[in-house]
PDB file of N, CA and C in Angstrom:
ATOM      1  N   MET A   1       8.670   2.987  12.770  1.00  0.00           N
ATOM      2  CA  MET A   1       7.538   3.101  12.049  1.00  0.00           C
ATOM      3  C   MET A   1       7.871   4.123  10.986  1.00  0.00           C
ATOM      4  N   PHE A   2       7.374   3.970  10.063  1.00  0.00           N
ATOM      5  CA  PHE A   2       7.416   5.281   9.071  1.00  0.00           C
ATOM      6  C   PHE A   2       5.844   5.099   8.356  1.00  0.00           C
ATOM      7  N   THR A   3       5.109   6.049   8.142  1.00  0.00           N
ATOM      8  CA  THR A   3       3.797   6.481   7.225  1.00  0.00           C
ATOM      9  C   THR A   3       4.143   7.105   5.772  1.00  0.00           C
ATOM     10  N   LEU A   4       3.537   6.725   4.909  1.00  0.00           N
ATOM     11  CA  LEU A   4       3.936   7.544   3.701  1.00  0.00           C
ATOM     12  C   LEU A   4       2.831   7.691   3.509  1.00  0.00           C
ATOM     13  N   ALA A   5       2.354   9.143   2.919  1.00  0.00           N
ATOM     14  CA  ALA A   5       0.970   9.249   2.435  1.00  0.00           C
ATOM     15  C   ALA A   5       1.081  10.258   0.924  1.00  0.00           C
ATOM     16  N   ALA A   6       0.155  10.191   0.086  1.00  0.00           N
ATOM     17  CA  ALA A   6       0.155  10.960  -0.931  1.00  0.00           C
ATOM     18  C   ALA A   6      -1.259  10.910  -1.202  1.00  0.00           C
ATOM     19  N   ARG A   7      -1.562  12.244  -1.998  1.00  0.00           N
ATOM     20  CA  ARG A   7      -2.668  12.800  -2.363  1.00  0.00           C
ATOM     21  C   ARG A   7      -2.658  13.002  -4.080  1.00  0.00           C
ATOM     22  N   LEU A   8      -4.056  12.505  -4.816  1.00  0.00           N
ATOM     23  CA  LEU A   8      -4.228  13.072  -6.059  1.00  0.00           C
ATOM     24  C   LEU A   8      -5.076  14.327  -5.889  1.00  0.00           C
ATOM     25  N   VAL A   9      -4.448  15.449  -6.216  1.00  0.00           N
ATOM     26  CA  VAL A   9      -5.210  16.977  -6.411  1.00  0.00           C
ATOM     27  C   VAL A   9      -5.289  17.773  -7.445  1.00  0.00           C
ATOM     28  N   ASP A  10      -6.688  18.079  -7.569  1.00  0.00           N
ATOM     29  CA  ASP A  10      -6.442  18.927  -9.026  1.00  0.00           C
ATOM     30  C   ASP A  10      -5.719  20.320  -8.733  1.00  0.00           C
ATOM     31  N   VAL A  11      -4.812  20.975  -8.983  1.00  0.00           N
ATOM     32  CA  VAL A  11      -4.201  22.160  -8.680  1.00  0.00           C
ATOM     33  C   VAL A  11      -4.758  23.361  -9.028  1.00  0.00           C
ATOM     34  N   GLU A  12      -5.742  23.402  -9.948  1.00  0.00           N
ATOM     35  CA  GLU A  12      -6.815  24.243 -10.121  1.00  0.00           C
ATOM     36  C   GLU A  12      -7.848  24.979  -9.462  1.00  0.00           C
ATOM     37  N   THR A  13      -8.551  23.668  -8.778  1.00  0.00           N
ATOM     38  CA  THR A  13      -9.667  23.855  -7.675  1.00  0.00           C
ATOM     39  C   THR A  13      -9.227  23.455  -6.534  1.00  0.00           C
ATOM     40  N   GLY A  14      -8.502  22.975  -6.142  1.00  0.00           N
ATOM     41  CA  GLY A  14      -7.760  21.974  -4.791  1.00  0.00           C
ATOM     42  C   GLY A  14      -8.528  20.929  -4.502  1.00  0.00           C
ATOM     43  N   THR A  15      -9.536  20.263  -5.176  1.00  0.00           N
ATOM     44  CA  THR A  15     -10.066  19.430  -4.815  1.00  0.00           C
ATOM     45  C   THR A  15      -9.428  17.980  -4.804  1.00  0.00           C
ATOM     46  N   VAL A  16      -9.484  17.146  -3.958  1.00  0.00           N
ATOM     47  CA  VAL A  16      -9.029  15.944  -3.407  1.00  0.00           C
ATOM     48  C   VAL A  16      -9.261  14.894  -4.121  1.00  0.00           C
ATOM     49  N   TYR A  17      -9.101  14.141  -5.057  1.00  0.00           N
ATOM     50  CA  TYR A  17      -9.837  13.043  -5.790  1.00  0.00           C
ATOM     51  C   TYR A  17      -9.402  11.737  -5.222  1.00  0.00           C
ATOM     52  N   SER A  18      -8.308  11.761  -4.737  1.00  0.00           N
ATOM     53  CA  SER A  18      -7.913   9.993  -4.145  1.00  0.00           C
ATOM     54  C   SER A  18      -6.650  10.317  -2.793  1.00  0.00           C
ATOM     55  N   GLY A  19      -6.519   9.616  -1.918  1.00  0.00           N
ATOM     56  CA  GLY A  19      -5.622   9.700  -1.204  1.00  0.00           C
ATOM     57  C   GLY A  19      -5.089   8.161  -0.835  1.00  0.00           C
ATOM     58  N   PHE A  20      -3.878   8.254  -0.123  1.00  0.00           N
ATOM     59  CA  PHE A  20      -3.164   6.747  -0.244  1.00  0.00           C
ATOM     60  C   PHE A  20      -2.277   6.850   1.049  1.00  0.00           C
ATOM     61  N   GLN A  21      -2.261   6.057   1.250  1.00  0.00           N
ATOM     62  CA  GLN A  21      -1.279   5.548   2.496  1.00  0.00           C
ATOM     63  C   GLN A  21      -0.666   4.415   2.994  1.00  0.00           C
ATOM     64  N   THR A  22       0.565   4.053   3.221  1.00  0.00           N
ATOM     65  CA  THR A  22       1.113   3.186   3.454  1.00  0.00           C
ATOM     66  C   THR A  22       1.962   3.124   4.609  1.00  0.00           C
ATOM     67  N   VAL A  23       2.235   2.174   5.149  1.00  0.00           N
ATOM     68  CA  VAL A  23       2.754   2.023   6.573  1.00  0.00           C
ATOM     69  C   VAL A  23       3.937   1.104   6.532  1.00  0.00           C
ATOM     70  N   THR A  24       5.282   1.171   6.951  1.00  0.00           N
ATOM     71  CA  THR A  24       6.505   0.070   7.333  1.00  0.00           C
ATOM     72  C   THR A  24       6.388   0.372   8.840  1.00  0.00           C
ATOM     73  N   HIS A  25       6.627  -0.738   8.948  1.00  0.00           N
ATOM     74  CA  HIS A  25       7.621  -1.177  10.610  1.00  0.00           C
ATOM     75  C   HIS A  25       8.674  -1.724  10.579  1.00  0.00           C
ATOM     76  N   GLU A  26       9.270  -1.800   9.201  1.00  0.00           N
ATOM     77  CA  GLU A  26      10.601  -2.090   9.555  1.00  0.00           C
ATOM     78  C   GLU A  26      11.574  -0.781   9.254  1.00  0.00           C
ATOM     79  N   GLY A  27      11.466   0.366   9.766  1.00  0.00           N
ATOM     80  CA  GLY A  27      12.477   1.730   9.972  1.00  0.00           C
ATOM     81  C   GLY A  27      12.783   1.843   8.489  1.00  0.00           C
ATOM     82  N   GLU A  28      13.717   2.665   8.328  1.00  0.00           N
ATOM     83  CA  GLU A  28      14.209   2.964   7.137  1.00  0.00           C
ATOM     84  C   GLU A  28      14.493   2.312   6.407  1.00  0.00           C
ATOM     85  N   GLU A  29      14.789   0.868   6.270  1.00  0.00           N
ATOM     86  CA  GLU A  29      14.944  -0.410   5.454  1.00  0.00           C
ATOM     87  C   GLU A  29      13.722  -0.677   4.914  1.00  0.00           C
ATOM     88  N   GLY A  30      12.646  -0.127   5.361  1.00  0.00           N
ATOM     89  CA  GLY A  30      11.050  -0.574   4.920  1.00  0.00           C
ATOM     90  C   GLY A  30      10.682   0.424   3.860  1.00  0.00           C
ATOM     91  N   LEU A  31      11.652   1.786   4.020  1.00  0.00           N
ATOM     92  CA  LEU A  31      10.991   3.066   2.910  1.00  0.00           C
ATOM     93  C   LEU A  31      10.820   2.772   1.144  1.00  0.00           C
ATOM     94  N   ILE A  32      11.995   1.835   0.985  1.00  0.00           N
ATOM     95  CA  ILE A  32      11.667   1.533  -0.546  1.00  0.00           C
ATOM     96  C   ILE A  32      10.602   0.602  -0.862  1.00  0.00           C
ATOM     97  N   SER A  33      10.492  -0.358  -0.307  1.00  0.00           N
ATOM     98  CA  SER A  33       9.329  -1.096  -0.860  1.00  0.00           C
ATOM     99  C   SER A  33       8.227  -0.665  -0.083  1.00  0.00           C
ATOM    100  N   ALA A  34       8.101   0.233   0.851  1.00  0.00           N
ATOM    101  CA  ALA A  34       6.673   1.019   1.242  1.00  0.00           C
ATOM    102  C   ALA A  34       6.444   2.153   0.153  1.00  0.00           C
ATOM    103  N   ALA A  35       7.357   2.805  -0.504  1.00  0.00           N
ATOM    104  CA  ALA A  35       7.417   3.737  -1.724  1.00  0.00           C
ATOM    105  C   ALA A  35       6.640   2.910  -3.192  1.00  0.00           C
ATOM    106  N   GLU A  36       7.073   1.783  -3.237  1.00  0.00           N
ATOM    107  CA  GLU A  36       6.734   0.831  -4.329  1.00  0.00           C
ATOM    108  C   GLU A  36       5.500   0.831  -4.485  1.00  0.00           C
ATOM    109  N   ILE A  37       5.063   0.057  -2.820  1.00  0.00           N
ATOM    110  CA  ILE A  37       3.364   0.029  -2.671  1.00  0.00           C
ATOM    111  C   ILE A  37       2.690   1.194  -3.110  1.00  0.00           C
ATOM    112  N   LEU A  38       3.274   2.396  -2.067  1.00  0.00           N
ATOM    113  CA  LEU A  38       2.426   3.567  -2.898  1.00  0.00           C
ATOM    114  C   LEU A  38       2.439   3.710  -4.116  1.00  0.00           C
ATOM    115  N   ALA A  39       3.392   3.417  -4.971  1.00  0.00           N
ATOM    116  CA  ALA A  39       3.345   3.987  -6.406  1.00  0.00           C
ATOM    117  C   ALA A  39       2.575   2.949  -6.865  1.00  0.00           C
ATOM    118  N   ASP A  40       2.561   1.722  -6.748  1.00  0.00           N
ATOM    119  CA  ASP A  40       1.369   0.970  -7.375  1.00  0.00           C
ATOM    120  C   ASP A  40       0.179   1.188  -7.492  1.00  0.00           C
ATOM    121  N   ASP A  41      -0.133   1.643  -6.099  1.00  0.00           N
ATOM    122  CA  ASP A  41      -1.661   2.080  -5.607  1.00  0.00           C
ATOM    123  C   ASP A  41      -2.170   3.195  -6.185  1.00  0.00           C
ATOM    124  N   ILE A  42      -1.019   4.368  -6.702  1.00  0.00           N
ATOM    125  CA  ILE A  42      -1.044   5.478  -7.409  1.00  0.00           C
ATOM    126  C   ILE A  42      -1.541   5.019  -8.860  1.00  0.00           C
ATOM    127  N   ALA A  43      -0.861   4.414  -9.383  1.00  0.00           N
ATOM    128  CA  ALA A  43      -0.675   3.522 -10.960  1.00  0.00           C
ATOM    129  C   ALA A  43      -2.087   3.114 -10.884  1.00  0.00           C
ATOM    130  N   MET A  44      -2.726   2.270 -10.149  1.00  0.00           N
ATOM    131  CA  MET A  44      -3.914   1.494 -10.162  1.00  0.00           C
ATOM    132  C   MET A  44      -4.880   2.493 -10.367  1.00  0.00           C
ATOM    133  N   GLU A  45      -4.726   3.267  -9.756  1.00  0.00           N
ATOM    134  CA  GLU A  45      -5.865   4.531  -9.711  1.00  0.00           C
ATOM    135  C   GLU A  45      -5.845   5.045 -10.974  1.00  0.00           C
ATOM    136  N   LEU A  46      -4.782   5.291 -11.338  1.00  0.00           N
ATOM    137  CA  LEU A  46      -4.913   6.037 -12.631  1.00  0.00           C
ATOM    138  C   LEU A  46      -5.211   5.964 -13.988  1.00  0.00           C
ATOM    139  N   GLY A  47      -5.117   4.327 -14.061  1.00  0.00           N
ATOM    140  CA  GLY A  47      -5.566   3.445 -15.062  1.00  0.00           C
ATOM    141  C   GLY A  47      -4.981   2.117 -15.485  1.00  0.00           C
ATOM    142  N   GLY A  48      -4.371   1.503 -14.345  1.00  0.00           N
ATOM    143  CA  GLY A  48      -4.107   0.317 -14.140  1.00  0.00           C
ATOM    144  C   GLY A  48      -2.758   0.216 -14.033  1.00  0.00           C
ATOM    145  N   PRO A  49      -2.034  -1.286 -14.153  1.00  0.00           N
ATOM    146  CA  PRO A  49      -0.528  -1.312 -13.956  1.00  0.00           C
ATOM    147  C   PRO A  49       0.316  -1.033 -14.879  1.00  0.00           C
ATOM    148  N   ASP A  50      -0.464  -0.599 -16.086  1.00  0.00           N
ATOM    149  CA  ASP A  50       0.686  -0.829 -17.342  1.00  0.00           C
ATOM    150  C   ASP A  50       0.722   0.749 -17.381  1.00  0.00           C
ATOM    151  N   VAL A  51       0.210   1.674 -16.417  1.00  0.00           N
ATOM    152  CA  VAL A  51       0.699   3.095 -16.526  1.00  0.00           C
ATOM    153  C   VAL A  51       2.204   3.620 -16.414  1.00  0.00           C
TER     154      VAL A  51
END
């Protein structure tokens, strides 16, 4: 099992705006799909799927 996590942080103030997490139970083989899910979640937060 692997957990991927990311945060959107204002580097000037240190304020955390959003946090994201995804888990894969497929071992290393699941990391690419988990990263894609995490990236999609971040893109949606930043303005939608066309970003």
